[in-house]
Amino acid sequence: GSTPARLDGLLERLAAPREDGHLRWITASQGNEVRLITVAEVCYFRSDNKYTAVVTSDGESLIRVTLRELIDQLDPAIFWQVHRNTVVNANAIAGITRDFKGRLCVKLKQRSETLPVSEAHAARFRAM
């Protein structure tokens, strides 16, 4: 019989931060499987109590890391905080819109929902 491939070492290497120290991969559980998600695939992260929802174009998974902990590991040039509980991948942004109350919202390329931008984080978009 063939022995199962040793994935431990591979997973550890994948999970290792890049040379610049930023996170490359996220290991997220979805049902009873563990998904490896590259940070480039992530549309946005949303805080959910002690968990963080990792939202990609085709669904979302929960990870047991708080958003605050995650922010420290993400590349700030690519992952922008738009709200106290939301961090968006700048590459996933399709545009900026305003809701009926005049608040800024982020439109995404691959998701139908819009993400509200709080006053604290609106300055970045006003300059665009």
C-alpha atoms as a PDB file:
ATOM      1  CA  GLY A   1       0.000   0.000   0.000  1.00  0.00           C
ATOM      2  CA  SER A   2       1.073   3.588  -0.523  1.00  0.00           C
ATOM      3  CA  THR A   3       1.774   5.642   2.563  1.00  0.00           C
ATOM      4  CA  PRO A   4      -0.112   8.933   2.831  1.00  0.00           C
ATOM      5  CA  ALA A   5       1.907  11.985   1.854  1.00  0.00           C
ATOM      6  CA  ARG A   6       3.470  13.857   4.751  1.00  0.00           C
ATOM      7  CA  LEU A   7       1.652  17.152   4.691  1.00  0.00           C
ATOM      8  CA  ASP A   8       2.859  18.486   8.039  1.00  0.00           C
ATOM      9  CA  GLY A   9       6.099  19.894   6.711  1.00  0.00           C
ATOM     10  CA  LEU A  10       4.429  21.294   3.627  1.00  0.00           C
ATOM     11  CA  LEU A  11       1.710  23.006   5.641  1.00  0.00           C
ATOM     12  CA  GLU A  12       4.280  24.498   7.976  1.00  0.00           C
ATOM     13  CA  ARG A  13       6.249  25.878   5.050  1.00  0.00           C
ATOM     14  CA  LEU A  14       3.113  27.294   3.468  1.00  0.00           C
ATOM     15  CA  ALA A  15       2.081  28.862   6.734  1.00  0.00           C
ATOM     16  CA  ALA A  16       5.488  30.461   7.260  1.00  0.00           C
ATOM     17  CA  PRO A  17       5.352  34.223   6.784  1.00  0.00           C
ATOM     18  CA  ARG A  18       6.982  35.722   3.736  1.00  0.00           C
ATOM     19  CA  GLU A  19      10.409  37.312   3.973  1.00  0.00           C
ATOM     20  CA  ASP A  20       8.681  40.656   4.554  1.00  0.00           C
ATOM     21  CA  GLY A  21       6.841  39.110   7.495  1.00  0.00           C
ATOM     22  CA  HIS A  22       3.388  39.346   5.963  1.00  0.00           C
ATOM     23  CA  LEU A  23       0.941  36.493   5.938  1.00  0.00           C
ATOM     24  CA  ARG A  24       0.704  34.463   2.704  1.00  0.00           C
ATOM     25  CA  TRP A  25      -1.790  31.734   3.503  1.00  0.00           C
ATOM     26  CA  ILE A  26      -4.693  31.298   5.832  1.00  0.00           C
ATOM     27  CA  THR A  27      -5.793  27.913   7.087  1.00  0.00           C
ATOM     28  CA  ALA A  28      -9.547  28.022   7.619  1.00  0.00           C
ATOM     29  CA  SER A  29     -11.987  25.333   8.563  1.00  0.00           C
ATOM     30  CA  GLN A  30     -15.132  24.996   6.517  1.00  0.00           C
ATOM     31  CA  GLY A  31     -17.416  22.237   7.740  1.00  0.00           C
ATOM     32  CA  ASN A  32     -15.122  19.277   8.377  1.00  0.00           C
ATOM     33  CA  GLU A  33     -12.428  20.249   5.886  1.00  0.00           C
ATOM     34  CA  VAL A  34      -9.533  22.622   6.246  1.00  0.00           C
ATOM     35  CA  ARG A  35      -9.066  25.046   3.398  1.00  0.00           C
ATOM     36  CA  LEU A  36      -5.814  26.717   2.457  1.00  0.00           C
ATOM     37  CA  ILE A  37      -6.653  30.189   1.262  1.00  0.00           C
ATOM     38  CA  THR A  38      -4.005  32.466  -0.203  1.00  0.00           C
ATOM     39  CA  VAL A  39      -4.370  36.015   1.089  1.00  0.00           C
ATOM     40  CA  ALA A  40      -4.686  37.167  -2.557  1.00  0.00           C
ATOM     41  CA  GLU A  41      -7.972  35.225  -2.808  1.00  0.00           C
ATOM     42  CA  VAL A  42      -9.494  37.028   0.155  1.00  0.00           C
ATOM     43  CA  CYS A  43     -12.036  39.739  -0.696  1.00  0.00           C
ATOM     44  CA  TYR A  44     -12.303  40.917   2.892  1.00  0.00           C
ATOM     45  CA  PHE A  45     -12.059  39.901   6.535  1.00  0.00           C
ATOM     46  CA  ARG A  46     -14.941  40.539   8.904  1.00  0.00           C
ATOM     47  CA  SER A  47     -14.689  40.395  12.659  1.00  0.00           C
ATOM     48  CA  ASP A  48     -17.074  37.977  14.347  1.00  0.00           C
ATOM     49  CA  ASN A  49     -16.498  38.018  18.124  1.00  0.00           C
ATOM     50  CA  LYS A  50     -13.375  35.930  18.810  1.00  0.00           C
ATOM     51  CA  TYR A  51     -13.406  34.692  15.235  1.00  0.00           C
ATOM     52  CA  THR A  52     -12.798  36.320  11.902  1.00  0.00           C
ATOM     53  CA  ALA A  53     -14.752  35.502   8.756  1.00  0.00           C
ATOM     54  CA  VAL A  54     -12.489  35.096   5.730  1.00  0.00           C
ATOM     55  CA  VAL A  55     -14.609  36.038   2.723  1.00  0.00           C
ATOM     56  CA  THR A  56     -13.561  34.910  -0.749  1.00  0.00           C
ATOM     57  CA  SER A  57     -15.427  35.159  -4.064  1.00  0.00           C
ATOM     58  CA  ASP A  58     -17.008  31.747  -3.518  1.00  0.00           C
ATOM     59  CA  GLY A  59     -17.895  31.739   0.166  1.00  0.00           C
ATOM     60  CA  GLU A  60     -16.645  32.369   3.662  1.00  0.00           C
ATOM     61  CA  SER A  61     -14.791  30.466   6.355  1.00  0.00           C
ATOM     62  CA  LEU A  62     -14.145  31.206  10.018  1.00  0.00           C
ATOM     63  CA  ILE A  63     -10.719  31.350  11.608  1.00  0.00           C
ATOM     64  CA  ARG A  64      -9.953  31.463  15.327  1.00  0.00           C
ATOM     65  CA  VAL A  65      -7.977  34.676  15.163  1.00  0.00           C
ATOM     66  CA  THR A  66      -9.257  38.119  16.056  1.00  0.00           C
ATOM     67  CA  LEU A  67      -9.233  40.763  13.366  1.00  0.00           C
ATOM     68  CA  ARG A  68      -6.845  42.856  15.444  1.00  0.00           C
ATOM     69  CA  GLU A  69      -4.300  40.010  15.550  1.00  0.00           C
ATOM     70  CA  LEU A  70      -4.720  39.444  11.836  1.00  0.00           C
ATOM     71  CA  ILE A  71      -4.201  43.094  10.885  1.00  0.00           C
ATOM     72  CA  ASP A  72      -0.693  42.947  12.337  1.00  0.00           C
ATOM     73  CA  GLN A  73       0.185  40.119   9.935  1.00  0.00           C
ATOM     74  CA  LEU A  74      -1.327  41.568   6.762  1.00  0.00           C
ATOM     75  CA  ASP A  75       0.380  43.829   4.242  1.00  0.00           C
ATOM     76  CA  PRO A  76      -1.062  47.309   4.963  1.00  0.00           C
ATOM     77  CA  ALA A  77      -0.466  48.348   1.344  1.00  0.00           C
ATOM     78  CA  ILE A  78      -2.984  45.725   0.202  1.00  0.00           C
ATOM     79  CA  PHE A  79      -5.308  45.170   3.163  1.00  0.00           C
ATOM     80  CA  TRP A  80      -7.117  48.319   4.171  1.00  0.00           C
ATOM     81  CA  GLN A  81      -9.188  48.682   7.266  1.00  0.00           C
ATOM     82  CA  VAL A  82     -12.484  50.307   6.277  1.00  0.00           C
ATOM     83  CA  HIS A  83     -14.372  49.754   9.516  1.00  0.00           C
ATOM     84  CA  ARG A  84     -13.541  48.563  13.012  1.00  0.00           C
ATOM     85  CA  ASN A  85     -14.755  45.104  12.038  1.00  0.00           C
ATOM     86  CA  THR A  86     -13.807  45.003   8.343  1.00  0.00           C
ATOM     87  CA  VAL A  87     -10.524  44.820   6.453  1.00  0.00           C
ATOM     88  CA  VAL A  88     -10.746  44.743   2.660  1.00  0.00           C
ATOM     89  CA  ASN A  89      -8.287  43.560   0.015  1.00  0.00           C
ATOM     90  CA  ALA A  90      -7.649  46.684  -2.080  1.00  0.00           C
ATOM     91  CA  ASN A  91      -7.340  44.487  -5.185  1.00  0.00           C
ATOM     92  CA  ALA A  92     -10.913  43.269  -4.644  1.00  0.00           C
ATOM     93  CA  ILE A  93     -12.417  46.768  -4.667  1.00  0.00           C
ATOM     94  CA  ALA A  94     -14.513  47.591  -7.733  1.00  0.00           C
ATOM     95  CA  GLY A  95     -15.419  51.101  -6.647  1.00  0.00           C
ATOM     96  CA  ILE A  96     -16.737  53.417  -3.986  1.00  0.00           C
ATOM     97  CA  THR A  97     -20.376  54.358  -3.655  1.00  0.00           C
ATOM     98  CA  ARG A  98     -22.531  56.274  -1.190  1.00  0.00           C
ATOM     99  CA  ASP A  99     -25.561  54.887   0.555  1.00  0.00           C
ATOM    100  CA  PHE A 100     -28.826  56.827   0.996  1.00  0.00           C
ATOM    101  CA  LYS A 101     -27.426  58.503   4.125  1.00  0.00           C
ATOM    102  CA  GLY A 102     -24.354  59.686   2.242  1.00  0.00           C
ATOM    103  CA  ARG A 103     -21.965  57.249   3.894  1.00  0.00           C
ATOM    104  CA  LEU A 104     -19.170  55.771   1.842  1.00  0.00           C
ATOM    105  CA  CYS A 105     -19.399  52.095   0.893  1.00  0.00           C
ATOM    106  CA  VAL A 106     -16.943  49.833  -0.877  1.00  0.00           C
ATOM    107  CA  LYS A 107     -18.199  47.866  -3.877  1.00  0.00           C
ATOM    108  CA  LEU A 108     -16.443  44.576  -4.538  1.00  0.00           C
ATOM    109  CA  LYS A 109     -15.540  42.960  -7.849  1.00  0.00           C
ATOM    110  CA  GLN A 110     -16.574  39.428  -6.925  1.00  0.00           C
ATOM    111  CA  ARG A 111     -19.181  39.878  -4.211  1.00  0.00           C
ATOM    112  CA  SER A 112     -22.627  41.463  -4.326  1.00  0.00           C
ATOM    113  CA  GLU A 113     -22.611  43.018  -0.850  1.00  0.00           C
ATOM    114  CA  THR A 114     -21.191  46.479  -0.207  1.00  0.00           C
ATOM    115  CA  LEU A 115     -19.025  47.226   2.821  1.00  0.00           C
ATOM    116  CA  PRO A 116     -19.640  50.357   4.885  1.00  0.00           C
ATOM    117  CA  VAL A 117     -16.685  52.657   5.457  1.00  0.00           C
ATOM    118  CA  SER A 118     -16.639  54.235   8.910  1.00  0.00           C
ATOM    119  CA  GLU A 119     -15.776  57.909   9.420  1.00  0.00           C
ATOM    120  CA  ALA A 120     -12.469  56.936  11.010  1.00  0.00           C
ATOM    121  CA  HIS A 121     -11.364  55.274   7.765  1.00  0.00           C
ATOM    122  CA  ALA A 122     -13.117  57.454   5.177  1.00  0.00           C
ATOM    123  CA  ALA A 123     -10.208  59.849   4.573  1.00  0.00           C
ATOM    124  CA  ARG A 124      -8.340  57.287   2.454  1.00  0.00           C
ATOM    125  CA  PHE A 125     -11.244  57.131   0.000  1.00  0.00           C
ATOM    126  CA  ARG A 126     -12.065  60.824  -0.079  1.00  0.00           C
ATOM    127  CA  ALA A 127      -8.629  61.385  -1.547  1.00  0.00           C
ATOM    128  CA  MET A 128      -9.410  59.033  -4.472  1.00  0.00           C
END
